[in-house]
mmCIF file of all heavy atoms, coordinates in Angstrom:
data_MODEL
# 
_entry.id   MODEL 
# 
loop_
_atom_site.group_PDB 
_atom_site.id 
_atom_site.type_symbol 
_atom_site.label_atom_id 
_atom_site.label_alt_id 
_atom_site.label_comp_id 
_atom_site.label_asym_id 
_atom_site.label_entity_id 
_atom_site.label_seq_id 
_atom_site.pdbx_PDB_ins_code 
_atom_site.Cartn_x 
_atom_site.Cartn_y 
_atom_site.Cartn_z 
_atom_site.occupancy 
_atom_site.B_iso_or_equiv 
_atom_site.pdbx_formal_charge 
_atom_site.auth_seq_id 
_atom_site.auth_comp_id 
_atom_site.auth_asym_id 
_atom_site.auth_atom_id 
_atom_site.pdbx_PDB_model_num 
ATOM 1   N N   . PHE A 1 1  ? -5.221 3.254  7.538  1.00 0.00 ? 1  PHE A N   1 
ATOM 2   C CA  . PHE A 1 1  ? -4.709 3.041  8.878  1.00 0.00 ? 1  PHE A CA  1 
ATOM 3   C C   . PHE A 1 1  ? -4.473 1.543  9.089  1.00 0.00 ? 1  PHE A C   1 
ATOM 4   O O   . PHE A 1 1  ? -5.359 0.859  9.584  1.00 0.00 ? 1  PHE A O   1 
ATOM 5   C CB  . PHE A 1 1  ? -5.671 3.517  9.937  1.00 0.00 ? 1  PHE A CB  1 
ATOM 6   C CG  . PHE A 1 1  ? -5.884 4.996  10.018 1.00 0.00 ? 1  PHE A CG  1 
ATOM 7   C CD1 . PHE A 1 1  ? -6.656 5.676  9.118  1.00 0.00 ? 1  PHE A CD1 1 
ATOM 8   C CD2 . PHE A 1 1  ? -5.253 5.746  11.028 1.00 0.00 ? 1  PHE A CD2 1 
ATOM 9   C CE1 . PHE A 1 1  ? -6.844 7.055  9.203  1.00 0.00 ? 1  PHE A CE1 1 
ATOM 10  C CE2 . PHE A 1 1  ? -5.421 7.117  11.114 1.00 0.00 ? 1  PHE A CE2 1 
ATOM 11  C CZ  . PHE A 1 1  ? -6.202 7.777  10.203 1.00 0.00 ? 1  PHE A CZ  1 
ATOM 12  N N   . PRO A 1 2  ? -3.310 0.986  8.714  1.00 0.00 ? 2  PRO A N   1 
ATOM 13  C CA  . PRO A 1 2  ? -3.090 -0.447 8.950  1.00 0.00 ? 2  PRO A CA  1 
ATOM 14  C C   . PRO A 1 2  ? -2.896 -0.773 10.422 1.00 0.00 ? 2  PRO A C   1 
ATOM 15  O O   . PRO A 1 2  ? -3.284 -1.843 10.882 1.00 0.00 ? 2  PRO A O   1 
ATOM 16  C CB  . PRO A 1 2  ? -1.844 -0.732 8.138  1.00 0.00 ? 2  PRO A CB  1 
ATOM 17  C CG  . PRO A 1 2  ? -1.126 0.546  8.090  1.00 0.00 ? 2  PRO A CG  1 
ATOM 18  C CD  . PRO A 1 2  ? -2.172 1.616  8.002  1.00 0.00 ? 2  PRO A CD  1 
ATOM 19  N N   . SER A 1 3  ? -2.294 0.135  11.167 1.00 0.00 ? 3  SER A N   1 
ATOM 20  C CA  . SER A 1 3  ? -2.047 -0.050 12.598 1.00 0.00 ? 3  SER A CA  1 
ATOM 21  C C   . SER A 1 3  ? -2.790 1.033  13.349 1.00 0.00 ? 3  SER A C   1 
ATOM 22  O O   . SER A 1 3  ? -2.560 2.222  13.093 1.00 0.00 ? 3  SER A O   1 
ATOM 23  C CB  . SER A 1 3  ? -0.541 0.021  12.901 1.00 0.00 ? 3  SER A CB  1 
ATOM 24  O OG  . SER A 1 3  ? -0.278 -0.117 14.251 1.00 0.00 ? 3  SER A OG  1 
ATOM 25  N N   . ILE A 1 4  ? -3.675 0.654  14.253 1.00 0.00 ? 4  ILE A N   1 
ATOM 26  C CA  . ILE A 1 4  ? -4.552 1.602  14.913 1.00 0.00 ? 4  ILE A CA  1 
ATOM 27  C C   . ILE A 1 4  ? -4.365 1.547  16.406 1.00 0.00 ? 4  ILE A C   1 
ATOM 28  O O   . ILE A 1 4  ? -4.554 0.520  17.052 1.00 0.00 ? 4  ILE A O   1 
ATOM 29  C CB  . ILE A 1 4  ? -6.053 1.316  14.574 1.00 0.00 ? 4  ILE A CB  1 
ATOM 30  C CG1 . ILE A 1 4  ? -6.236 1.314  13.066 1.00 0.00 ? 4  ILE A CG1 1 
ATOM 31  C CG2 . ILE A 1 4  ? -6.958 2.342  15.238 1.00 0.00 ? 4  ILE A CG2 1 
ATOM 32  C CD1 . ILE A 1 4  ? -7.594 0.770  12.620 1.00 0.00 ? 4  ILE A CD1 1 
ATOM 33  N N   . GLY A 1 5  ? -3.996 2.691  16.993 1.00 0.00 ? 5  GLY A N   1 
ATOM 34  C CA  . GLY A 1 5  ? -3.844 2.792  18.439 1.00 0.00 ? 5  GLY A CA  1 
ATOM 35  C C   . GLY A 1 5  ? -4.697 3.918  18.957 1.00 0.00 ? 5  GLY A C   1 
ATOM 36  O O   . GLY A 1 5  ? -5.877 4.070  18.601 1.00 0.00 ? 5  GLY A O   1 
ATOM 37  N N   . CYS A 1 6  ? -4.128 4.765  19.801 1.00 0.00 ? 6  CYS A N   1 
ATOM 38  C CA  . CYS A 1 6  ? -4.854 5.922  20.319 1.00 0.00 ? 6  CYS A CA  1 
ATOM 39  C C   . CYS A 1 6  ? -5.015 6.972  19.210 1.00 0.00 ? 6  CYS A C   1 
ATOM 40  O O   . CYS A 1 6  ? -4.142 7.127  18.364 1.00 0.00 ? 6  CYS A O   1 
ATOM 41  C CB  . CYS A 1 6  ? -4.107 6.525  21.508 1.00 0.00 ? 6  CYS A CB  1 
ATOM 42  S SG  . CYS A 1 6  ? -4.073 5.465  22.971 1.00 0.00 ? 6  CYS A SG  1 
ATOM 43  N N   . GLU A 1 7  ? -6.123 7.670  19.238 1.00 0.00 ? 7  GLU A N   1 
ATOM 44  C CA  . GLU A 1 7  ? -6.428 8.622  18.161 1.00 0.00 ? 7  GLU A CA  1 
ATOM 45  C C   . GLU A 1 7  ? -5.388 9.737  18.024 1.00 0.00 ? 7  GLU A C   1 
ATOM 46  O O   . GLU A 1 7  ? -4.955 10.050 16.887 1.00 0.00 ? 7  GLU A O   1 
ATOM 47  C CB  . GLU A 1 7  ? -7.807 9.227  18.393 1.00 0.00 ? 7  GLU A CB  1 
ATOM 48  C CG  . GLU A 1 7  ? -8.346 10.102 17.266 1.00 0.00 ? 7  GLU A CG  1 
ATOM 49  C CD  . GLU A 1 7  ? -7.838 11.551 17.346 1.00 0.00 ? 7  GLU A CD  1 
ATOM 50  O OE1 . GLU A 1 7  ? -7.528 12.012 18.486 1.00 0.00 ? 7  GLU A OE1 1 
ATOM 51  O OE2 . GLU A 1 7  ? -7.755 12.213 16.294 1.00 0.00 ? 7  GLU A OE2 1 
ATOM 52  N N   . PRO A 1 8  ? -4.880 10.356 19.124 1.00 0.00 ? 8  PRO A N   1 
ATOM 53  C CA  . PRO A 1 8  ? -3.912 11.425 18.925 1.00 0.00 ? 8  PRO A CA  1 
ATOM 54  C C   . PRO A 1 8  ? -2.554 10.944 18.411 1.00 0.00 ? 8  PRO A C   1 
ATOM 55  O O   . PRO A 1 8  ? -1.767 11.741 17.936 1.00 0.00 ? 8  PRO A O   1 
ATOM 56  C CB  . PRO A 1 8  ? -3.754 11.999 20.345 1.00 0.00 ? 8  PRO A CB  1 
ATOM 57  C CG  . PRO A 1 8  ? -4.931 11.504 21.129 1.00 0.00 ? 8  PRO A CG  1 
ATOM 58  C CD  . PRO A 1 8  ? -5.247 10.191 20.532 1.00 0.00 ? 8  PRO A CD  1 
ATOM 59  N N   . CYS A 1 9  ? -2.306 9.645  18.523 1.00 0.00 ? 9  CYS A N   1 
ATOM 60  C CA  . CYS A 1 9  ? -0.966 9.105  18.218 1.00 0.00 ? 9  CYS A CA  1 
ATOM 61  C C   . CYS A 1 9  ? -0.947 8.208  16.956 1.00 0.00 ? 9  CYS A C   1 
ATOM 62  O O   . CYS A 1 9  ? 0.015  7.485  16.766 1.00 0.00 ? 9  CYS A O   1 
ATOM 63  C CB  . CYS A 1 9  ? -0.466 8.325  19.422 1.00 0.00 ? 9  CYS A CB  1 
ATOM 64  S SG  . CYS A 1 9  ? -0.352 9.283  20.935 1.00 0.00 ? 9  CYS A SG  1 
ATOM 65  N N   . THR A 1 10 ? -2.009 8.262  16.185 1.00 0.00 ? 10 THR A N   1 
ATOM 66  C CA  . THR A 1 10 ? -2.086 7.419  14.984 1.00 0.00 ? 10 THR A CA  1 
ATOM 67  C C   . THR A 1 10 ? -2.559 8.226  13.802 1.00 0.00 ? 10 THR A C   1 
ATOM 68  O O   . THR A 1 10 ? -3.509 8.983  13.917 1.00 0.00 ? 10 THR A O   1 
ATOM 69  C CB  . THR A 1 10 ? -3.088 6.237  15.195 1.00 0.00 ? 10 THR A CB  1 
ATOM 70  O OG1 . THR A 1 10 ? -2.806 5.604  16.457 1.00 0.00 ? 10 THR A OG1 1 
ATOM 71  C CG2 . THR A 1 10 ? -2.985 5.238  14.100 1.00 0.00 ? 10 THR A CG2 1 
ATOM 72  N N   . ARG A 1 11 ? -1.894 8.089  12.688 1.00 0.00 ? 11 ARG A N   1 
ATOM 73  C CA  . ARG A 1 11 ? -2.328 8.761  11.450 1.00 0.00 ? 11 ARG A CA  1 
ATOM 74  C C   . ARG A 1 11 ? -2.332 7.745  10.303 1.00 0.00 ? 11 ARG A C   1 
ATOM 75  O O   . ARG A 1 11 ? -1.745 6.659  10.401 1.00 0.00 ? 11 ARG A O   1 
ATOM 76  C CB  . ARG A 1 11 ? -1.410 9.923  11.092 1.00 0.00 ? 11 ARG A CB  1 
ATOM 77  C CG  . ARG A 1 11 ? 0.038  9.535  10.749 1.00 0.00 ? 11 ARG A CG  1 
ATOM 78  C CD  . ARG A 1 11 ? 0.717  10.606 9.941  1.00 0.00 ? 11 ARG A CD  1 
ATOM 79  N NE  . ARG A 1 11 ? 2.155  10.391 9.761  1.00 0.00 ? 11 ARG A NE  1 
ATOM 80  C CZ  . ARG A 1 11 ? 2.690  9.544  8.896  1.00 0.00 ? 11 ARG A CZ  1 
ATOM 81  N NH1 . ARG A 1 11 ? 1.902  8.778  8.159  1.00 0.00 ? 11 ARG A NH1 1 
ATOM 82  N NH2 . ARG A 1 11 ? 4.000  9.438  8.781  1.00 0.00 ? 11 ARG A NH2 1 
ATOM 83  N N   . ALA A 1 12 ? -2.962 8.111  9.204  1.00 0.00 ? 12 ALA A N   1 
ATOM 84  C CA  . ALA A 1 12 ? -2.953 7.273  8.000  1.00 0.00 ? 12 ALA A CA  1 
ATOM 85  C C   . ALA A 1 12 ? -1.545 7.277  7.408  1.00 0.00 ? 12 ALA A C   1 
ATOM 86  O O   . ALA A 1 12 ? -0.788 8.223  7.556  1.00 0.00 ? 12 ALA A O   1 
ATOM 87  C CB  . ALA A 1 12 ? -3.963 7.779  6.997  1.00 0.00 ? 12 ALA A CB  1 
ATOM 88  N N   . LEU A 1 13 ? -1.221 6.200  6.695  1.00 0.00 ? 13 LEU A N   1 
ATOM 89  C CA  . LEU A 1 13 ? 0.082  6.105  6.047  1.00 0.00 ? 13 LEU A CA  1 
ATOM 90  C C   . LEU A 1 13 ? 0.164  6.960  4.795  1.00 0.00 ? 13 LEU A C   1 
ATOM 91  O O   . LEU A 1 13 ? -0.850 7.169  4.095  1.00 0.00 ? 13 LEU A O   1 
ATOM 92  C CB  . LEU A 1 13 ? 0.374  4.655  5.683  1.00 0.00 ? 13 LEU A CB  1 
ATOM 93  C CG  . LEU A 1 13 ? 0.605  3.657  6.805  1.00 0.00 ? 13 LEU A CG  1 
ATOM 94  C CD1 . LEU A 1 13 ? 1.057  2.311  6.225  1.00 0.00 ? 13 LEU A CD1 1 
ATOM 95  C CD2 . LEU A 1 13 ? 1.598  4.166  7.832  1.00 0.00 ? 13 LEU A CD2 1 
ATOM 96  N N   . LYS A 1 14 ? 1.365  7.405  4.518  1.00 0.00 ? 14 LYS A N   1 
ATOM 97  C CA  . LYS A 1 14 ? 1.668  8.052  3.228  1.00 0.00 ? 14 LYS A CA  1 
ATOM 98  C C   . LYS A 1 14 ? 2.126  6.985  2.262  1.00 0.00 ? 14 LYS A C   1 
ATOM 99  O O   . LYS A 1 14 ? 2.602  5.904  2.678  1.00 0.00 ? 14 LYS A O   1 
ATOM 100 C CB  . LYS A 1 14 ? 2.744  9.129  3.436  1.00 0.00 ? 14 LYS A CB  1 
ATOM 101 C CG  . LYS A 1 14 ? 2.339  10.243 4.389  1.00 0.00 ? 14 LYS A CG  1 
ATOM 102 C CD  . LYS A 1 14 ? 3.474  11.187 4.650  1.00 0.00 ? 14 LYS A CD  1 
ATOM 103 C CE  . LYS A 1 14 ? 3.096  12.266 5.664  1.00 0.00 ? 14 LYS A CE  1 
ATOM 104 N NZ  . LYS A 1 14 ? 4.239  13.179 6.002  1.00 0.00 ? 14 LYS A NZ  1 
ATOM 105 N N   . PRO A 1 15 ? 2.025  7.228  0.957  1.00 0.00 ? 15 PRO A N   1 
ATOM 106 C CA  . PRO A 1 15 ? 2.453  6.212  -0.030 1.00 0.00 ? 15 PRO A CA  1 
ATOM 107 C C   . PRO A 1 15 ? 3.896  5.760  0.203  1.00 0.00 ? 15 PRO A C   1 
ATOM 108 O O   . PRO A 1 15 ? 4.792  6.574  0.412  1.00 0.00 ? 15 PRO A O   1 
ATOM 109 C CB  . PRO A 1 15 ? 2.325  6.960  -1.373 1.00 0.00 ? 15 PRO A CB  1 
ATOM 110 C CG  . PRO A 1 15 ? 1.284  7.972  -1.138 1.00 0.00 ? 15 PRO A CG  1 
ATOM 111 C CD  . PRO A 1 15 ? 1.468  8.422  0.285  1.00 0.00 ? 15 PRO A CD  1 
ATOM 112 N N   . GLY A 1 16 ? 4.080  4.434  0.242  1.00 0.00 ? 16 GLY A N   1 
ATOM 113 C CA  . GLY A 1 16 ? 5.385  3.857  0.382  1.00 0.00 ? 16 GLY A CA  1 
ATOM 114 C C   . GLY A 1 16 ? 5.873  3.668  1.809  1.00 0.00 ? 16 GLY A C   1 
ATOM 115 O O   . GLY A 1 16 ? 6.950  3.091  2.017  1.00 0.00 ? 16 GLY A O   1 
ATOM 116 N N   . GLU A 1 17 ? 5.118  4.121  2.795  1.00 0.00 ? 17 GLU A N   1 
ATOM 117 C CA  . GLU A 1 17 ? 5.542  3.977  4.194  1.00 0.00 ? 17 GLU A CA  1 
ATOM 118 C C   . GLU A 1 17 ? 5.279  2.548  4.698  1.00 0.00 ? 17 GLU A C   1 
ATOM 119 O O   . GLU A 1 17 ? 4.291  1.925  4.277  1.00 0.00 ? 17 GLU A O   1 
ATOM 120 C CB  . GLU A 1 17 ? 4.811  4.968  5.070  1.00 0.00 ? 17 GLU A CB  1 
ATOM 121 C CG  . GLU A 1 17 ? 5.258  6.392  4.936  1.00 0.00 ? 17 GLU A CG  1 
ATOM 122 C CD  . GLU A 1 17 ? 4.629  7.310  5.990  1.00 0.00 ? 17 GLU A CD  1 
ATOM 123 O OE1 . GLU A 1 17 ? 3.398  7.173  6.240  1.00 0.00 ? 17 GLU A OE1 1 
ATOM 124 O OE2 . GLU A 1 17 ? 5.336  8.176  6.492  1.00 0.00 ? 17 GLU A OE2 1 
ATOM 125 N N   . PRO A 1 18 ? 6.111  2.042  5.612  1.00 0.00 ? 18 PRO A N   1 
ATOM 126 C CA  . PRO A 1 18 ? 5.874  0.737  6.183  1.00 0.00 ? 18 PRO A CA  1 
ATOM 127 C C   . PRO A 1 18 ? 4.678  0.765  7.135  1.00 0.00 ? 18 PRO A C   1 
ATOM 128 O O   . PRO A 1 18 ? 4.217  1.827  7.551  1.00 0.00 ? 18 PRO A O   1 
ATOM 129 C CB  . PRO A 1 18 ? 7.194  0.402  6.930  1.00 0.00 ? 18 PRO A CB  1 
ATOM 130 C CG  . PRO A 1 18 ? 7.769  1.757  7.229  1.00 0.00 ? 18 PRO A CG  1 
ATOM 131 C CD  . PRO A 1 18 ? 7.390  2.651  6.073  1.00 0.00 ? 18 PRO A CD  1 
ATOM 132 N N   . GLU A 1 19 ? 4.260  -0.422 7.502  1.00 0.00 ? 19 GLU A N   1 
ATOM 133 C CA  . GLU A 1 19 ? 3.005  -0.610 8.210  1.00 0.00 ? 19 GLU A CA  1 
ATOM 134 C C   . GLU A 1 19 ? 2.820  0.206  9.480  1.00 0.00 ? 19 GLU A C   1 
ATOM 135 O O   . GLU A 1 19 ? 1.771  0.717  9.773  1.00 0.00 ? 19 GLU A O   1 
ATOM 136 C CB  . GLU A 1 19 ? 2.821  -2.093 8.518  1.00 0.00 ? 19 GLU A CB  1 
ATOM 137 C CG  . GLU A 1 19 ? 1.479  -2.491 9.090  1.00 0.00 ? 19 GLU A CG  1 
ATOM 138 C CD  . GLU A 1 19 ? 1.330  -3.996 9.154  1.00 0.00 ? 19 GLU A CD  1 
ATOM 139 O OE1 . GLU A 1 19 ? 1.811  -4.686 8.236  1.00 0.00 ? 19 GLU A OE1 1 
ATOM 140 O OE2 . GLU A 1 19 ? 0.706  -4.465 10.136 1.00 0.00 ? 19 GLU A OE2 1 
ATOM 141 N N   . ARG A 1 20 ? 3.910  0.346  10.279 1.00 0.00 ? 20 ARG A N   1 
ATOM 142 C CA  . ARG A 1 20 ? 3.754  0.996  11.566 1.00 0.00 ? 20 ARG A CA  1 
ATOM 143 C C   . ARG A 1 20 ? 4.250  2.449  11.596 1.00 0.00 ? 20 ARG A C   1 
ATOM 144 O O   . ARG A 1 20 ? 4.392  3.043  12.662 1.00 0.00 ? 20 ARG A O   1 
ATOM 145 C CB  . ARG A 1 20 ? 4.468  0.173  12.672 1.00 0.00 ? 20 ARG A CB  1 
ATOM 146 C CG  . ARG A 1 20 ? 3.723  -1.110 12.971 1.00 0.00 ? 20 ARG A CG  1 
ATOM 147 C CD  . ARG A 1 20 ? 4.417  -1.921 14.062 1.00 0.00 ? 20 ARG A CD  1 
ATOM 148 N NE  . ARG A 1 20 ? 4.511  -1.206 15.308 1.00 0.00 ? 20 ARG A NE  1 
ATOM 149 C CZ  . ARG A 1 20 ? 3.546  -1.113 16.215 1.00 0.00 ? 20 ARG A CZ  1 
ATOM 150 N NH1 . ARG A 1 20 ? 2.372  -1.663 15.980 1.00 0.00 ? 20 ARG A NH1 1 
ATOM 151 N NH2 . ARG A 1 20 ? 3.735  -0.468 17.344 1.00 0.00 ? 20 ARG A NH2 1 
ATOM 152 N N   . ALA A 1 21 ? 4.485  3.029  10.407 1.00 0.00 ? 21 ALA A N   1 
ATOM 153 C CA  . ALA A 1 21 ? 4.977  4.392  10.349 1.00 0.00 ? 21 ALA A CA  1 
ATOM 154 C C   . ALA A 1 21 ? 3.969  5.411  10.838 1.00 0.00 ? 21 ALA A C   1 
ATOM 155 O O   . ALA A 1 21 ? 4.345  6.520  11.174 1.00 0.00 ? 21 ALA A O   1 
ATOM 156 C CB  . ALA A 1 21 ? 5.428  4.707  8.926  1.00 0.00 ? 21 ALA A CB  1 
ATOM 157 N N   . GLY A 1 22 ? 2.701  5.036  10.853 1.00 0.00 ? 22 GLY A N   1 
ATOM 158 C CA  . GLY A 1 22 ? 1.671  5.994  11.305 1.00 0.00 ? 22 GLY A CA  1 
ATOM 159 C C   . GLY A 1 22 ? 1.502  6.065  12.800 1.00 0.00 ? 22 GLY A C   1 
ATOM 160 O O   . GLY A 1 22 ? 0.692  6.854  13.299 1.00 0.00 ? 22 GLY A O   1 
ATOM 161 N N   . ARG A 1 23 ? 2.298  5.305  13.542 1.00 0.00 ? 23 ARG A N   1 
ATOM 162 C CA  . ARG A 1 23 ? 2.237  5.343  15.016 1.00 0.00 ? 23 ARG A CA  1 
ATOM 163 C C   . ARG A 1 23 ? 3.307  6.264  15.534 1.00 0.00 ? 23 ARG A C   1 
ATOM 164 O O   . ARG A 1 23 ? 4.486  6.123  15.169 1.00 0.00 ? 23 ARG A O   1 
ATOM 165 C CB  . ARG A 1 23 ? 2.401  3.929  15.597 1.00 0.00 ? 23 ARG A CB  1 
ATOM 166 C CG  . ARG A 1 23 ? 1.391  2.926  15.067 1.00 0.00 ? 23 ARG A CG  1 
ATOM 167 C CD  . ARG A 1 23 ? -0.035 3.226  15.528 1.00 0.00 ? 23 ARG A CD  1 
ATOM 168 N NE  . ARG A 1 23 ? -0.206 3.063  16.946 1.00 0.00 ? 23 ARG A NE  1 
ATOM 169 C CZ  . ARG A 1 23 ? -0.393 1.866  17.538 1.00 0.00 ? 23 ARG A CZ  1 
ATOM 170 N NH1 . ARG A 1 23 ? -0.468 0.770  16.826 1.00 0.00 ? 23 ARG A NH1 1 
ATOM 171 N NH2 . ARG A 1 23 ? -0.518 1.789  18.853 1.00 0.00 ? 23 ARG A NH2 1 
ATOM 172 N N   . TRP A 1 24 ? 2.971  7.205  16.395 1.00 0.00 ? 24 TRP A N   1 
ATOM 173 C CA  . TRP A 1 24 ? 3.911  8.167  17.004 1.00 0.00 ? 24 TRP A CA  1 
ATOM 174 C C   . TRP A 1 24 ? 4.828  8.782  15.902 1.00 0.00 ? 24 TRP A C   1 
ATOM 175 O O   . TRP A 1 24 ? 6.032  8.827  16.027 1.00 0.00 ? 24 TRP A O   1 
ATOM 176 C CB  . TRP A 1 24 ? 4.769  7.471  18.084 1.00 0.00 ? 24 TRP A CB  1 
ATOM 177 C CG  . TRP A 1 24 ? 3.912  6.737  19.063 1.00 0.00 ? 24 TRP A CG  1 
ATOM 178 C CD1 . TRP A 1 24 ? 3.109  7.291  20.017 1.00 0.00 ? 24 TRP A CD1 1 
ATOM 179 C CD2 . TRP A 1 24 ? 3.743  5.314  19.172 1.00 0.00 ? 24 TRP A CD2 1 
ATOM 180 N NE1 . TRP A 1 24 ? 2.468  6.293  20.734 1.00 0.00 ? 24 TRP A NE1 1 
ATOM 181 C CE2 . TRP A 1 24 ? 2.824  5.069  20.245 1.00 0.00 ? 24 TRP A CE2 1 
ATOM 182 C CE3 . TRP A 1 24 ? 4.297  4.215  18.497 1.00 0.00 ? 24 TRP A CE3 1 
ATOM 183 C CZ2 . TRP A 1 24 ? 2.454  3.801  20.612 1.00 0.00 ? 24 TRP A CZ2 1 
ATOM 184 C CZ3 . TRP A 1 24 ? 3.908  2.947  18.866 1.00 0.00 ? 24 TRP A CZ3 1 
ATOM 185 C CH2 . TRP A 1 24 ? 3.002  2.749  19.930 1.00 0.00 ? 24 TRP A CH2 1 
ATOM 186 N N   . TRP A 1 25 ? 4.161  9.217  14.848 1.00 0.00 ? 25 TRP A N   1 
ATOM 187 C CA  . TRP A 1 25 ? 4.875  9.640  13.612 1.00 0.00 ? 25 TRP A CA  1 
ATOM 188 C C   . TRP A 1 25 ? 5.809  10.829 13.823 1.00 0.00 ? 25 TRP A C   1 
ATOM 189 O O   . TRP A 1 25 ? 6.717  11.073 13.035 1.00 0.00 ? 25 TRP A O   1 
ATOM 190 C CB  . TRP A 1 25 ? 3.870  9.949  12.514 1.00 0.00 ? 25 TRP A CB  1 
ATOM 191 C CG  . TRP A 1 25 ? 3.090  11.218 12.811 1.00 0.00 ? 25 TRP A CG  1 
ATOM 192 C CD1 . TRP A 1 25 ? 3.392  12.479 12.420 1.00 0.00 ? 25 TRP A CD1 1 
ATOM 193 C CD2 . TRP A 1 25 ? 1.918  11.313 13.575 1.00 0.00 ? 25 TRP A CD2 1 
ATOM 194 N NE1 . TRP A 1 25 ? 2.460  13.364 12.909 1.00 0.00 ? 25 TRP A NE1 1 
ATOM 195 C CE2 . TRP A 1 25 ? 1.550  12.681 13.628 1.00 0.00 ? 25 TRP A CE2 1 
ATOM 196 C CE3 . TRP A 1 25 ? 1.118  10.388 14.276 1.00 0.00 ? 25 TRP A CE3 1 
ATOM 197 C CZ2 . TRP A 1 25 ? 0.431  13.134 14.298 1.00 0.00 ? 25 TRP A CZ2 1 
ATOM 198 C CZ3 . TRP A 1 25 ? -0.011 10.872 14.952 1.00 0.00 ? 25 TRP A CZ3 1 
ATOM 199 C CH2 . TRP A 1 25 ? -0.347 12.198 14.970 1.00 0.00 ? 25 TRP A CH2 1 
ATOM 200 N N   . TRP A 1 26 ? 5.574  11.638 14.854 1.00 0.00 ? 26 TRP A N   1 
ATOM 201 C CA  . TRP A 1 26 ? 6.404  12.813 15.092 1.00 0.00 ? 26 TRP A CA  1 
ATOM 202 C C   . TRP A 1 26 ? 7.773  12.470 15.663 1.00 0.00 ? 26 TRP A C   1 
ATOM 203 O O   . TRP A 1 26 ? 8.650  13.327 15.705 1.00 0.00 ? 26 TRP A O   1 
ATOM 204 C CB  . TRP A 1 26 ? 5.665  13.808 15.996 1.00 0.00 ? 26 TRP A CB  1 
ATOM 205 C CG  . TRP A 1 26 ? 5.400  13.250 17.373 1.00 0.00 ? 26 TRP A CG  1 
ATOM 206 C CD1 . TRP A 1 26 ? 6.187  13.352 18.481 1.00 0.00 ? 26 TRP A CD1 1 
ATOM 207 C CD2 . TRP A 1 26 ? 4.247  12.508 17.767 1.00 0.00 ? 26 TRP A CD2 1 
ATOM 208 N NE1 . TRP A 1 26 ? 5.610  12.715 19.548 1.00 0.00 ? 26 TRP A NE1 1 
ATOM 209 C CE2 . TRP A 1 26 ? 4.401  12.182 19.136 1.00 0.00 ? 26 TRP A CE2 1 
ATOM 210 C CE3 . TRP A 1 26 ? 3.081  12.078 17.112 1.00 0.00 ? 26 TRP A CE3 1 
ATOM 211 C CZ2 . TRP A 1 26 ? 3.452  11.446 19.829 1.00 0.00 ? 26 TRP A CZ2 1 
ATOM 212 C CZ3 . TRP A 1 26 ? 2.134  11.355 17.819 1.00 0.00 ? 26 TRP A CZ3 1 
ATOM 213 C CH2 . TRP A 1 26 ? 2.322  11.053 19.175 1.00 0.00 ? 26 TRP A CH2 1 
# 
């Protein structure tokens, strides 16, 4: 988790994804 926000809206990155791809990923 390089970028950490609210728990429901943040996930761990998948390989090769940029730093903020885990925020509001849907």
